[in-house]
Amino acid sequence: MVEDDEAMSSMLCRGLRRAGYAVDAVATGTDAVWSVTETDYDAVVLDAMIPPPDGFEVCRRARAADRWVPILMLTARDAVDDKVRGLDAGADDYLTKPFALDELLARVRALIRRGPQQRPTVLRVDDLVLDPAGHTVHRADTAIDLSPREFSLLHELMRHAGETLSRTHLIEHVWDFAYDGGSNMVDVYIRHLRDKVDRPFGRSTIQTVRGAGYRLG
């Protein structure tokens, strides 16, 4: 448990221990990096806003050290960009405060069942390369400038290369669950992406699957 709010940490640790888990608790990013890289935990509950380095950087350093323990990131922020930032840093799941303890316990159980899942830092599909940490995209040797939302959309498509993703899936993972706009917003951004990563290079990487959604590959 990595949480600098003493009352919150104490409450969560009690709840986890009542559920049968052994829990170590730290309050700073420095202690979190040391603990995660030195101990084989089944899961890490990591608050984003802790004394430096923050939770995003802790996550990045853990993955850079080849520590693939499942990480559930906690934050008081609910902006989708922060969610994407956490997932890009290597978090496996994301929970916004305030939340019910039962929900946290359910997510921890799910992460532990799934176990460590090593993911590449850099995503590659043929000559298309996306670096989440550097927030860069290249096709062959050519840099491609994307807006934050376009980058997030391409990242989700590349994470699931070869899979057909519905518009609903993309809205939930690139915008957020509270998004109340029409699904045509996805179509607009897909068109933007094609104009930047496909058409200038004579490619058709992003495919429309009629009646189902979109697939990259």
Protein backbone atom coordinates (compact mmCIF):
# COMPACT_ATOMS: atom_id res chain seq x y z
CA MET A 1 0.00 0.00 0.00
CA VAL A 2 1.50 3.34 -1.09
CA GLU A 3 -0.52 6.20 0.38
CA ASP A 4 0.71 9.35 2.14
CA ASP A 5 -2.62 10.16 3.80
CA GLU A 6 -2.24 8.38 7.14
CA ALA A 7 -5.97 7.98 7.80
CA MET A 8 -6.65 6.65 4.29
CA SER A 9 -3.68 4.28 4.46
CA SER A 10 -4.75 2.96 7.84
CA MET A 11 -8.33 2.38 6.68
CA LEU A 12 -7.29 0.59 3.50
CA CYS A 13 -4.70 -1.55 5.27
CA ARG A 14 -7.30 -2.63 7.85
CA GLY A 15 -9.72 -3.55 5.10
CA LEU A 16 -7.12 -5.53 3.17
CA ARG A 17 -5.96 -7.36 6.29
CA ARG A 18 -9.54 -8.25 7.21
CA ALA A 19 -9.82 -9.71 3.72
CA GLY A 20 -6.86 -11.97 4.49
CA TYR A 21 -3.94 -10.08 2.91
CA ALA A 22 -0.58 -9.35 4.48
CA VAL A 23 0.11 -5.66 3.85
CA ASP A 24 3.21 -3.47 3.88
CA ALA A 25 2.53 0.28 3.89
CA VAL A 26 4.79 3.12 2.75
CA ALA A 27 4.05 6.82 2.30
CA THR A 28 6.61 8.18 -0.19
CA GLY A 29 7.64 7.52 -3.74
CA THR A 30 11.21 6.81 -2.67
CA ASP A 31 10.11 4.09 -0.26
CA ALA A 32 7.65 2.75 -2.82
CA VAL A 33 10.33 2.32 -5.51
CA TRP A 34 12.59 0.49 -3.05
CA SER A 35 9.79 -1.77 -1.79
CA VAL A 36 8.42 -2.68 -5.22
CA THR A 37 11.84 -3.42 -6.71
CA GLU A 38 13.11 -5.38 -3.70
CA THR A 39 10.04 -7.46 -2.76
CA ASP A 40 7.89 -9.90 -4.75
CA TYR A 41 4.39 -8.62 -3.96
CA ASP A 42 1.18 -10.11 -5.34
CA ALA A 43 -0.23 -6.61 -5.97
CA VAL A 44 0.51 -2.95 -5.32
CA VAL A 45 -2.10 -0.32 -4.46
CA LEU A 46 -0.43 2.95 -5.46
CA ASP A 47 -1.72 6.48 -4.85
CA ALA A 48 -0.81 8.83 -7.70
CA MET A 49 -0.22 11.96 -5.62
CA ILE A 50 2.46 10.99 -3.10
CA PRO A 51 5.68 12.77 -2.04
CA PRO A 52 8.15 12.56 -4.93
CA PRO A 53 8.59 10.68 -7.03
CA ASP A 54 4.84 10.59 -7.66
CA GLY A 55 2.87 7.43 -8.37
CA PHE A 56 3.24 7.73 -12.14
CA GLU A 57 7.03 7.84 -11.83
CA VAL A 58 7.04 4.99 -9.30
CA CYS A 59 5.13 2.92 -11.82
CA ARG A 60 7.53 3.78 -14.63
CA ARG A 61 10.59 2.94 -12.51
CA ALA A 62 9.09 -0.38 -11.43
CA ARG A 63 8.44 -1.40 -15.05
CA ALA A 64 11.88 -0.15 -16.13
CA ALA A 65 13.34 -2.47 -13.48
CA ASP A 66 11.35 -5.39 -14.97
CA ARG A 67 9.01 -5.58 -11.99
CA TRP A 68 5.63 -6.59 -13.43
CA VAL A 69 3.60 -6.92 -10.22
CA PRO A 70 -0.04 -5.87 -10.89
CA ILE A 71 -0.52 -2.21 -9.92
CA LEU A 72 -3.81 -0.56 -9.00
CA MET A 73 -3.42 3.22 -9.13
CA LEU A 74 -5.51 5.46 -6.87
CA THR A 75 -6.11 9.14 -7.47
CA ALA A 76 -8.45 11.95 -6.50
CA ARG A 77 -8.34 13.12 -10.09
CA ASP A 78 -10.97 11.91 -12.54
CA ALA A 79 -9.71 13.45 -15.79
CA VAL A 80 -9.35 10.87 -18.54
CA ASP A 81 -5.88 12.24 -19.37
CA ASP A 82 -4.72 11.22 -15.88
CA LYS A 83 -6.21 7.78 -16.38
CA VAL A 84 -4.36 7.40 -19.66
CA ARG A 85 -1.18 8.75 -18.07
CA GLY A 86 -1.39 6.11 -15.33
CA LEU A 87 -1.99 3.27 -17.78
CA ASP A 88 0.81 4.53 -20.03
CA ALA A 89 3.16 4.51 -17.04
CA GLY A 90 2.42 0.80 -16.60
CA ALA A 91 -0.52 0.63 -14.17
CA ASP A 92 -2.90 -2.30 -14.68
CA ASP A 93 -6.02 -0.67 -13.28
CA TYR A 94 -7.18 2.75 -12.10
CA LEU A 95 -9.57 3.72 -9.31
CA THR A 96 -10.74 7.28 -8.63
CA LYS A 97 -11.34 8.57 -5.09
CA PRO A 98 -13.77 8.44 -3.41
CA PHE A 99 -14.46 4.74 -3.87
CA ALA A 100 -16.07 1.91 -1.92
CA LEU A 101 -13.69 -0.44 -0.11
CA ASP A 102 -15.55 -3.40 -1.62
CA GLU A 103 -14.72 -2.13 -5.10
CA LEU A 104 -11.03 -1.82 -4.25
CA LEU A 105 -11.02 -5.35 -2.82
CA ALA A 106 -12.73 -6.70 -5.94
CA ARG A 107 -10.16 -5.04 -8.19
CA VAL A 108 -7.26 -6.32 -6.08
CA ARG A 109 -8.67 -9.85 -6.28
CA ALA A 110 -8.98 -9.57 -10.05
CA LEU A 111 -5.41 -8.31 -10.43
CA ILE A 112 -4.01 -11.07 -8.24
CA ARG A 113 -5.92 -13.72 -10.22
CA ARG A 114 -4.50 -12.34 -13.43
CA GLY A 115 -0.96 -12.18 -12.06
CA PRO A 116 2.04 -10.33 -13.51
CA GLN A 117 1.66 -9.50 -17.19
CA GLN A 118 4.77 -8.14 -18.80
CA ARG A 119 4.06 -5.49 -21.38
CA PRO A 120 6.51 -3.87 -23.78
CA THR A 121 7.45 -0.30 -22.98
CA VAL A 122 7.33 0.58 -26.67
CA LEU A 123 4.50 -0.65 -28.91
CA ARG A 124 5.30 -1.73 -32.49
CA VAL A 125 3.02 -2.72 -35.34
CA ASP A 126 5.10 -3.23 -38.48
CA ASP A 127 6.98 0.07 -38.90
CA LEU A 128 4.58 2.05 -36.68
CA VAL A 129 6.17 2.68 -33.27
CA LEU A 130 4.55 4.31 -30.22
CA ASP A 131 6.56 5.16 -27.11
CA PRO A 132 4.20 5.78 -24.16
CA ALA A 133 6.93 7.15 -21.89
CA GLY A 134 8.32 9.57 -24.46
CA HIS A 135 4.85 10.26 -25.86
CA THR A 136 6.19 9.90 -29.42
CA VAL A 137 5.00 8.15 -32.55
CA HIS A 138 7.09 7.22 -35.60
CA ARG A 139 6.37 5.48 -38.86
CA ALA A 140 9.73 4.13 -40.04
CA ASP A 141 12.04 7.11 -39.42
CA THR A 142 9.35 9.77 -39.69
CA ALA A 143 8.00 11.44 -36.53
CA ILE A 144 4.22 11.89 -36.40
CA ASP A 145 2.72 14.73 -34.38
CA LEU A 146 -0.52 13.73 -32.64
CA SER A 147 -2.83 15.56 -30.24
CA PRO A 148 -3.15 14.02 -26.74
CA ARG A 149 -6.52 12.43 -27.65
CA GLU A 150 -5.24 11.09 -30.96
CA PHE A 151 -2.22 9.63 -29.14
CA SER A 152 -4.48 7.95 -26.57
CA LEU A 153 -6.70 6.50 -29.28
CA LEU A 154 -3.73 5.13 -31.24
CA HIS A 155 -2.25 3.73 -28.04
CA GLU A 156 -5.46 1.81 -27.29
CA LEU A 157 -5.63 0.46 -30.84
CA MET A 158 -1.98 -0.63 -30.74
CA ARG A 159 -2.36 -2.26 -27.33
CA HIS A 160 -5.03 -4.44 -28.92
CA ALA A 161 -3.47 -4.82 -32.38
CA GLY A 162 -5.37 -7.34 -34.47
CA GLU A 163 -8.49 -7.09 -32.29
CA THR A 164 -11.71 -5.37 -33.30
CA LEU A 165 -12.57 -2.66 -30.74
CA SER A 166 -16.11 -1.31 -30.58
CA ARG A 167 -16.86 2.39 -30.42
CA THR A 168 -18.14 1.84 -26.87
CA HIS A 169 -14.84 0.26 -25.83
CA LEU A 170 -12.89 3.16 -27.30
CA ILE A 171 -15.10 5.78 -25.64
CA GLU A 172 -14.70 4.07 -22.25
CA HIS A 173 -10.92 3.72 -22.53
CA VAL A 174 -9.94 6.89 -24.38
CA TRP A 175 -12.58 9.33 -23.19
CA ASP A 176 -14.20 7.98 -20.01
CA PHE A 177 -17.28 6.22 -18.71
CA ALA A 178 -19.08 9.52 -18.08
CA TYR A 179 -18.69 10.69 -21.68
CA ASP A 180 -22.15 11.56 -23.00
CA GLY A 181 -21.31 12.60 -26.55
CA GLY A 182 -22.22 10.58 -29.60
CA SER A 183 -20.14 7.66 -30.86
CA ASN A 184 -19.48 9.64 -34.04
CA MET A 185 -16.71 11.39 -32.08
CA VAL A 186 -14.75 8.14 -32.38
CA ASP A 187 -15.23 8.21 -36.16
CA VAL A 188 -13.95 11.80 -36.29
CA TYR A 189 -10.77 10.92 -34.41
CA ILE A 190 -10.23 7.75 -36.41
CA ARG A 191 -10.34 9.92 -39.54
CA HIS A 192 -7.77 12.28 -37.98
CA LEU A 193 -5.50 9.34 -37.18
CA ARG A 194 -5.75 7.93 -40.69
CA ASP A 195 -4.83 11.34 -42.10
CA LYS A 196 -1.65 11.31 -40.00
CA VAL A 197 -0.44 7.71 -39.63
CA ASP A 198 -1.77 6.00 -42.77
CA ARG A 199 -2.53 8.16 -45.81
CA PRO A 200 0.78 10.09 -45.98
CA PHE A 201 2.56 6.73 -46.08
CA GLY A 202 0.20 4.95 -48.48
CA ARG A 203 -0.96 2.58 -45.73
CA SER A 204 -4.33 1.34 -44.43
CA THR A 205 -3.31 0.19 -40.96
CA ILE A 206 -6.54 1.35 -39.26
CA GLN A 207 -9.38 -0.76 -40.63
CA THR A 208 -13.14 -0.34 -40.28
CA VAL A 209 -14.97 -3.52 -39.34
CA ARG A 210 -18.50 -2.88 -40.52
CA GLY A 211 -21.03 -2.98 -37.70
CA ALA A 212 -18.37 -3.83 -35.10
CA GLY A 213 -15.79 -1.06 -34.78
CA TYR A 214 -12.14 -0.59 -35.70
CA ARG A 215 -9.04 -2.75 -35.88
CA LEU A 216 -5.37 -1.85 -36.23
CA GLY A 217 -3.15 -4.33 -38.00
